[in-house]
Amino acid sequence: MKDDTEKLDRLRARFMDRPSGEFENPRFARVAEKLFSASGTRLAPYAGRPTLLSAPARMVDPESPDFSGLDVALVGMPMDLGVTNRPGARFGPRALRDIERIGPYNHVLDCVPVGELRIADIGDVPFRSRFALEDSHADIENWISLIVEAGVLPVSVGGDHSITHPILRALGRDRPVGMIHIDAHCDTSGPFDGTKFHHGGPFRNAVLDGVLDPERTIQIGIRGSSEYLWEFSEASGMTVVHAEDITEAGLPDLIQRARDVVGEGPTYLSFDIDSLDPAFAPGTGTPEVGGLTTREALSLLRGMKGLNLVGADIVEVAPQYDATTNTAQAGGQVLFELASLMCFSPAVSHKGLTR
């Protein structure tokens, strides 16, 4: 009993009157320094203007855009004109902005992306029309091109997966990029109903445009009844990992395989929320059972630390199909992981880092 009393006395002396923003552990103290005010308070997660990851809002004039001073731009792309099944991913960016308590500290990667990067939510792509698919793709390519030319890395929130084709056209203009693609579908199909610009074919289009290197592309989590549509993936040299192979291979081996495929070159990371099993993310246009768990997805993403990432996206969150908001919650967490990875990408200037 005496030992218990002495232990309690020591804990009281150590912690009873300590201000809420003070920590002995230097790792935690570094985080707290970025989050607590001088009076020891933190911003309430439900207060203020909702932004992606609660990052600072930066209003950008479409007529005279200025991205100076940023390492990473969070970009909304509320466009789902390319869907082949259920629409609604146009509401994805707003749904992710409304999710609170994502981050700020990534305890696995040991980073605070909003505190360590010069990062901002710059709003949505300024689309000219809500009806014209190909014009919308041109608007995305032009907007991302301006961001890239300013030396800023784009992390985008869709929208349907067709948005990634114009993003890759902007990023791969000077040299094709590699890609880690986490999805239920390969999205390398040919034209549907008279157009090739749909969410089932962005990566076929990107390879044929010369902006995506298929030999440095790995597609993870593939499953469902559309396998017959994906012959382009194998023919072009992409590495395809089906969902049923993940358990047998194990995540550590899969992570190493992905890292080996993309190597040290510039790499894009595209995450479709339907890579998750519908038990975790029912709010999407083309759900496929048998997918990743959220824990597997987070481990997979965190295993990409240190890759030369030049951009990333999270797509296909269609919140109206999920009354629980779990899909948006999962999408917001994926976005946080993508931003966290940017802290370690050689492509970031690191001028804004304070680690």
Protein backbone atom coordinates (compact mmCIF):
# COMPACT_ATOMS: atom_id res chain seq x y z
CA MET A 1 0.00 0.00 0.00
CA LYS A 2 2.87 2.35 0.82
CA ASP A 3 4.38 1.84 -2.63
CA ASP A 4 1.03 2.61 -4.24
CA THR A 5 0.69 5.81 -2.21
CA GLU A 6 4.20 6.93 -3.13
CA LYS A 7 3.54 6.23 -6.82
CA LEU A 8 0.34 8.25 -6.69
CA ASP A 9 2.15 11.11 -4.97
CA ARG A 10 4.81 11.10 -7.68
CA LEU A 11 2.18 11.15 -10.43
CA ARG A 12 0.37 14.01 -8.72
CA ALA A 13 3.56 16.00 -8.37
CA ARG A 14 4.43 15.36 -11.99
CA PHE A 15 1.07 15.89 -13.68
CA MET A 16 -1.47 17.54 -11.38
CA ASP A 17 -0.71 21.18 -12.13
CA ARG A 18 1.02 20.83 -15.50
CA PRO A 19 -0.43 23.14 -18.20
CA SER A 20 -2.31 21.22 -20.90
CA GLY A 21 0.14 22.17 -23.65
CA GLU A 22 3.30 21.02 -21.88
CA PHE A 23 4.84 17.57 -22.42
CA GLU A 24 8.13 16.03 -21.31
CA ASN A 25 8.43 13.69 -24.27
CA PRO A 26 10.19 15.74 -26.98
CA ARG A 27 8.20 13.97 -29.68
CA PHE A 28 4.90 15.06 -28.13
CA ALA A 29 6.24 18.49 -27.18
CA ARG A 30 7.06 19.15 -30.83
CA VAL A 31 3.47 18.36 -31.79
CA ALA A 32 1.93 20.37 -28.96
CA GLU A 33 4.00 23.41 -29.89
CA LYS A 34 2.22 23.53 -33.22
CA LEU A 35 -1.28 23.02 -31.83
CA PHE A 36 -1.65 24.76 -28.48
CA SER A 37 -2.00 28.50 -27.99
CA ALA A 38 -0.01 30.37 -25.36
CA SER A 39 -2.97 30.01 -23.00
CA GLY A 40 -3.01 26.22 -23.45
CA THR A 41 -6.09 25.88 -25.67
CA ARG A 42 -6.61 24.20 -29.04
CA LEU A 43 -9.00 25.03 -31.83
CA ALA A 44 -12.28 23.18 -31.35
CA PRO A 45 -12.76 20.66 -34.19
CA TYR A 46 -16.37 21.75 -34.69
CA ALA A 47 -15.62 25.47 -34.78
CA GLY A 48 -14.60 27.80 -37.56
CA ARG A 49 -14.82 27.46 -41.31
CA PRO A 50 -14.69 23.83 -42.53
CA THR A 51 -11.75 23.09 -44.81
CA LEU A 52 -9.99 19.96 -46.02
CA LEU A 53 -7.99 18.64 -43.03
CA SER A 54 -8.79 21.90 -41.21
CA ALA A 55 -5.94 23.40 -43.23
CA PRO A 56 -5.81 27.16 -43.73
CA ALA A 57 -8.16 28.39 -46.43
CA ARG A 58 -6.49 30.18 -49.29
CA MET A 59 -8.69 31.99 -51.76
CA VAL A 60 -7.19 31.84 -55.24
CA ASP A 61 -8.38 34.19 -57.98
CA PRO A 62 -8.98 32.11 -61.14
CA GLU A 63 -8.15 35.14 -63.26
CA SER A 64 -4.82 35.74 -61.52
CA PRO A 65 -3.92 32.62 -59.54
CA ASP A 66 -1.17 32.85 -56.93
CA PHE A 67 0.12 29.64 -55.30
CA SER A 68 3.33 31.13 -53.92
CA GLY A 69 4.48 30.09 -50.49
CA LEU A 70 2.86 26.66 -50.64
CA ASP A 71 4.34 23.17 -50.58
CA VAL A 72 1.03 21.37 -51.01
CA ALA A 73 -2.32 22.52 -52.38
CA LEU A 74 -5.47 20.68 -51.32
CA VAL A 75 -7.86 20.92 -54.27
CA GLY A 76 -11.54 20.02 -54.51
CA MET A 77 -12.85 18.58 -57.78
CA PRO A 78 -16.64 18.30 -57.45
CA MET A 79 -17.27 16.66 -60.81
CA ASP A 80 -18.83 13.23 -61.53
CA LEU A 81 -19.81 13.47 -65.18
CA GLY A 82 -17.72 10.36 -65.96
CA VAL A 83 -19.53 7.79 -63.81
CA THR A 84 -20.81 4.53 -65.30
CA ASN A 85 -23.08 3.64 -62.39
CA ARG A 86 -24.35 5.68 -59.44
CA PRO A 87 -23.64 9.44 -59.51
CA GLY A 88 -22.90 11.58 -56.48
CA ALA A 89 -19.12 11.85 -56.15
CA ARG A 90 -19.50 15.55 -56.98
CA PHE A 91 -20.44 15.92 -53.32
CA GLY A 92 -17.19 14.28 -52.16
CA PRO A 93 -15.13 17.43 -51.53
CA ARG A 94 -17.86 19.05 -49.46
CA ALA A 95 -18.37 15.85 -47.46
CA LEU A 96 -14.67 15.64 -46.63
CA ARG A 97 -14.59 19.29 -45.61
CA ASP A 98 -17.41 18.63 -43.16
CA ILE A 99 -15.60 15.76 -41.42
CA GLU A 100 -14.03 16.96 -38.18
CA ARG A 101 -11.26 15.47 -36.02
CA ILE A 102 -9.04 14.17 -38.81
CA GLY A 103 -5.49 14.51 -37.55
CA PRO A 104 -3.65 16.65 -36.71
CA TYR A 105 -0.98 14.18 -35.54
CA ASN A 106 -0.01 11.04 -37.44
CA HIS A 107 1.45 8.88 -34.68
CA VAL A 108 2.69 6.17 -37.08
CA LEU A 109 4.54 8.49 -39.44
CA ASP A 110 5.30 10.95 -36.61
CA CYS A 111 4.27 14.10 -38.42
CA VAL A 112 1.77 16.94 -38.30
CA PRO A 113 1.22 17.71 -42.00
CA VAL A 114 -0.79 20.89 -41.48
CA GLY A 115 1.87 22.12 -39.05
CA GLU A 116 4.96 20.96 -40.90
CA LEU A 117 4.06 21.74 -44.51
CA ARG A 118 3.04 24.99 -46.10
CA ILE A 119 -0.34 23.57 -46.98
CA ALA A 120 -3.73 25.12 -47.71
CA ASP A 121 -7.20 24.28 -48.97
CA ILE A 122 -7.30 26.38 -52.12
CA GLY A 123 -10.94 25.59 -52.85
CA ASP A 124 -12.30 23.88 -55.94
CA VAL A 125 -11.21 23.79 -59.55
CA PRO A 126 -12.96 26.69 -61.31
CA PHE A 127 -15.10 24.70 -63.73
CA ARG A 128 -16.64 26.55 -66.67
CA SER A 129 -19.62 24.22 -66.91
CA ARG A 130 -21.38 21.66 -64.77
CA PHE A 131 -22.48 19.75 -67.89
CA ALA A 132 -19.46 19.38 -70.22
CA LEU A 133 -17.23 16.44 -69.29
CA GLU A 134 -14.35 17.09 -71.66
CA ASP A 135 -14.34 20.81 -70.85
CA SER A 136 -14.21 19.91 -67.17
CA HIS A 137 -11.19 17.70 -67.80
CA ALA A 138 -9.51 20.58 -69.61
CA ASP A 139 -10.25 22.86 -66.65
CA ILE A 140 -8.63 20.33 -64.29
CA GLU A 141 -5.53 19.97 -66.46
CA ASN A 142 -5.12 23.73 -66.75
CA TRP A 143 -5.59 24.32 -63.01
CA ILE A 144 -3.21 21.54 -61.96
CA SER A 145 -0.67 22.73 -64.53
CA LEU A 146 -0.63 26.15 -62.87
CA ILE A 147 -0.14 24.56 -59.46
CA VAL A 148 2.70 22.36 -60.71
CA GLU A 149 4.38 25.24 -62.52
CA ALA A 150 4.43 27.11 -59.20
CA GLY A 151 6.41 24.24 -57.66
CA VAL A 152 3.47 23.07 -55.54
CA LEU A 153 2.28 19.48 -55.15
CA PRO A 154 -1.45 18.89 -55.77
CA VAL A 155 -3.45 16.63 -53.45
CA SER A 156 -6.92 16.40 -54.95
CA VAL A 157 -10.33 15.36 -53.68
CA GLY A 158 -12.82 14.09 -56.26
CA GLY A 159 -15.12 13.68 -57.87
CA ASP A 160 -15.10 10.54 -59.96
CA HIS A 161 -11.92 8.79 -61.03
CA SER A 162 -11.91 10.36 -64.47
CA ILE A 163 -10.33 13.43 -62.83
CA THR A 164 -7.01 11.62 -62.53
CA HIS A 165 -6.42 11.54 -66.30
CA PRO A 166 -6.15 15.34 -66.66
CA ILE A 167 -4.15 15.52 -63.42
CA LEU A 168 -1.63 13.07 -64.89
CA ARG A 169 -1.55 15.04 -68.14
CA ALA A 170 -0.40 18.04 -66.11
CA LEU A 171 2.07 16.14 -63.94
CA GLY A 172 3.52 13.95 -66.70
CA ARG A 173 3.86 16.59 -69.37
CA ASP A 174 7.67 16.63 -69.27
CA ARG A 175 8.20 12.97 -68.34
CA PRO A 176 5.82 10.12 -67.57
CA VAL A 177 5.24 9.43 -63.90
CA GLY A 178 4.84 6.14 -62.08
CA MET A 179 1.76 5.37 -60.04
CA ILE A 180 0.51 3.52 -57.01
CA HIS A 181 -3.16 2.92 -57.70
CA ILE A 182 -5.36 1.50 -54.91
CA ASP A 183 -8.78 0.57 -56.25
CA ALA A 184 -11.33 -2.19 -56.84
CA HIS A 185 -11.02 -1.60 -60.59
CA CYS A 186 -8.05 -1.18 -62.93
CA ASP A 187 -9.76 1.67 -64.80
CA THR A 188 -8.02 0.80 -68.05
CA SER A 189 -11.12 0.17 -70.14
CA GLY A 190 -11.78 1.46 -73.63
CA PRO A 191 -14.61 3.78 -74.73
CA PHE A 192 -18.15 3.48 -73.34
CA ASP A 193 -21.14 4.87 -75.20
CA GLY A 194 -19.04 6.95 -77.55
CA THR A 195 -16.53 8.44 -75.11
CA LYS A 196 -13.23 7.36 -73.59
CA PHE A 197 -13.32 10.06 -70.92
CA HIS A 198 -15.12 8.12 -68.20
CA HIS A 199 -14.02 6.88 -64.79
CA GLY A 200 -13.38 3.36 -66.09
CA GLY A 201 -10.54 4.36 -68.41
CA PRO A 202 -8.32 7.20 -67.08
CA PHE A 203 -5.15 5.13 -66.85
CA ARG A 204 -5.42 3.63 -70.31
CA ASN A 205 -5.81 7.19 -71.60
CA ALA A 206 -2.86 8.40 -69.54
CA VAL A 207 -0.54 5.66 -70.82
CA LEU A 208 -1.56 6.29 -74.43
CA ASP A 209 -0.98 10.03 -73.88
CA GLY A 210 2.56 9.23 -72.77
CA VAL A 211 2.14 10.76 -69.30
CA LEU A 212 1.94 7.54 -67.23
CA ASP A 213 4.66 4.87 -67.26
CA PRO A 214 2.90 1.48 -67.13
CA GLU A 215 6.12 -0.32 -66.16
CA ARG A 216 6.21 1.85 -63.01
CA THR A 217 2.52 1.40 -62.20
CA ILE A 218 1.04 -0.99 -59.64
CA GLN A 219 -2.71 -1.50 -59.16
CA ILE A 220 -3.74 -2.91 -55.78
CA GLY A 221 -7.04 -4.35 -54.56
CA ILE A 222 -8.53 -5.26 -57.94
CA ARG A 223 -11.66 -7.44 -57.84
CA GLY A 224 -15.25 -7.74 -59.01
CA SER A 225 -17.01 -8.74 -62.20
CA SER A 226 -15.26 -6.33 -64.58
CA GLU A 227 -11.99 -8.23 -64.93
CA TYR A 228 -12.60 -8.74 -68.65
CA LEU A 229 -12.34 -4.98 -69.19
CA TRP A 230 -8.79 -4.67 -67.90
CA GLU A 231 -6.65 -6.46 -70.49
CA PHE A 232 -4.83 -3.18 -71.20
CA SER A 233 -3.23 -3.29 -67.75
CA GLU A 234 -1.39 -6.53 -68.43
CA ALA A 235 -0.69 -5.71 -72.09
CA SER A 236 0.94 -2.39 -71.17
CA GLY A 237 3.09 -3.85 -68.40
CA MET A 238 1.26 -2.71 -65.29
CA THR A 239 1.56 -4.79 -62.13
CA VAL A 240 -1.90 -5.91 -60.98
CA VAL A 241 -2.50 -7.22 -57.45
CA HIS A 242 -5.95 -8.68 -56.94
CA ALA A 243 -7.70 -8.34 -53.61
CA GLU A 244 -7.68 -12.08 -53.01
CA ASP A 245 -3.89 -12.12 -53.33
CA ILE A 246 -3.28 -9.54 -50.60
CA THR A 247 -3.91 -11.85 -47.65
CA GLU A 248 -1.65 -14.54 -49.08
CA ALA A 249 1.15 -12.11 -49.93
CA GLY A 250 0.93 -10.14 -46.70
CA LEU A 251 1.10 -6.38 -46.41
CA PRO A 252 4.88 -6.08 -45.79
CA ASP A 253 5.68 -7.99 -48.98
CA LEU A 254 3.04 -6.06 -50.91
CA ILE A 255 4.42 -2.74 -49.72
CA GLN A 256 7.92 -3.73 -50.75
CA ARG A 257 6.65 -4.89 -54.13
CA ALA A 258 4.94 -1.55 -54.70
CA ARG A 259 8.08 0.35 -53.72
CA ASP A 260 10.16 -1.80 -56.08
CA VAL A 261 7.76 -1.18 -58.98
CA VAL A 262 7.76 2.62 -58.73
CA GLY A 263 11.37 2.97 -57.64
CA GLU A 264 12.84 6.39 -56.96
CA GLY A 265 11.24 8.22 -59.87
CA PRO A 266 8.37 10.70 -59.68
CA THR A 267 5.25 8.86 -58.57
CA TYR A 268 1.55 9.62 -58.26
CA LEU A 269 -0.74 7.97 -55.70
CA SER A 270 -4.41 7.53 -56.55
CA PHE A 271 -6.82 6.09 -53.97
CA ASP A 272 -10.36 5.13 -54.96
CA ILE A 273 -12.59 4.77 -51.90
CA ASP A 274 -14.18 1.67 -53.48
CA SER A 275 -10.90 -0.14 -52.80
CA LEU A 276 -12.34 -0.47 -49.32
CA ASP A 277 -14.93 -3.15 -48.69
CA PRO A 278 -18.48 -1.71 -48.69
CA ALA A 279 -18.69 -2.70 -45.02
CA PHE A 280 -16.33 0.23 -44.42
CA ALA A 281 -17.26 2.52 -47.32
CA PRO A 282 -20.73 1.95 -48.80
CA GLY A 283 -20.95 5.53 -50.06
CA THR A 284 -19.49 5.10 -53.52
CA GLY A 285 -20.75 4.63 -57.05
CA THR A 286 -19.39 1.15 -57.82
CA PRO A 287 -19.07 -0.83 -54.56
CA GLU A 288 -17.40 -4.25 -54.71
CA VAL A 289 -17.46 -6.72 -51.83
CA GLY A 290 -14.27 -8.40 -50.71
CA GLY A 291 -12.17 -5.28 -50.43
CA LEU A 292 -9.58 -3.83 -48.09
CA THR A 293 -10.30 -3.06 -44.48
CA THR A 294 -9.56 0.47 -43.32
CA ARG A 295 -6.70 -0.84 -41.20
CA GLU A 296 -5.14 -2.58 -44.21
CA ALA A 297 -5.53 0.55 -46.32
CA LEU A 298 -3.85 2.77 -43.73
CA SER A 299 -0.96 0.32 -43.32
CA LEU A 300 -0.54 0.16 -47.08
CA LEU A 301 -0.46 3.95 -47.41
CA ARG A 302 1.93 4.44 -44.51
CA GLY A 303 4.27 1.92 -46.12
CA MET A 304 4.84 4.40 -48.95
CA LYS A 305 6.73 6.82 -46.71
CA GLY A 306 9.70 8.37 -48.47
CA LEU A 307 8.60 7.71 -52.05
CA ASN A 308 9.07 10.54 -54.52
CA LEU A 309 5.40 11.52 -54.58
CA VAL A 310 4.54 14.41 -56.88
CA GLY A 311 0.80 14.38 -56.22
CA ALA A 312 -2.09 12.28 -54.97
CA ASP A 313 -5.86 12.00 -54.91
CA ILE A 314 -8.79 10.44 -53.09
CA VAL A 315 -11.82 9.88 -55.32
CA GLU A 316 -15.31 8.41 -55.61
CA VAL A 317 -16.73 9.37 -52.21
CA ALA A 318 -20.48 9.64 -52.85
CA PRO A 319 -21.81 10.55 -49.40
CA GLN A 320 -25.53 10.31 -50.10
CA TYR A 321 -25.29 6.49 -50.17
CA ASP A 322 -24.01 6.38 -46.60
CA ALA A 323 -26.20 7.86 -43.89
CA THR A 324 -23.55 7.03 -41.26
CA THR A 325 -20.89 9.33 -42.84
CA ASN A 326 -18.41 6.46 -42.41
CA THR A 327 -17.35 6.67 -46.06
CA ALA A 328 -16.53 10.36 -45.75
CA GLN A 329 -14.74 9.64 -42.47
CA ALA A 330 -12.62 6.99 -44.19
CA GLY A 331 -12.00 9.34 -47.12
CA GLY A 332 -10.92 12.11 -44.79
CA GLN A 333 -8.49 9.78 -43.06
CA VAL A 334 -7.04 8.68 -46.41
CA LEU A 335 -6.60 12.34 -47.34
CA PHE A 336 -4.76 12.88 -44.05
CA GLU A 337 -2.45 9.96 -44.81
CA LEU A 338 -1.74 11.35 -48.28
CA ALA A 339 -0.87 14.74 -46.82
CA SER A 340 1.30 13.02 -44.20
CA LEU A 341 3.25 11.21 -46.92
CA MET A 342 4.01 14.55 -48.54
CA CYS A 343 6.02 15.47 -45.43
CA PHE A 344 8.57 12.85 -46.52
CA SER A 345 8.49 13.19 -50.31
CA PRO A 346 11.73 14.37 -51.92
CA ALA A 347 9.52 16.38 -54.29
CA VAL A 348 8.56 18.78 -51.49
CA SER A 349 10.84 21.78 -51.25
CA HIS A 350 10.95 21.38 -47.44
CA LYS A 351 11.33 25.12 -47.13
CA GLY A 352 8.14 25.17 -45.11
CA LEU A 353 9.08 22.28 -42.83
CA THR A 354 9.74 22.99 -39.17
CA ARG A 355 10.50 19.48 -37.98
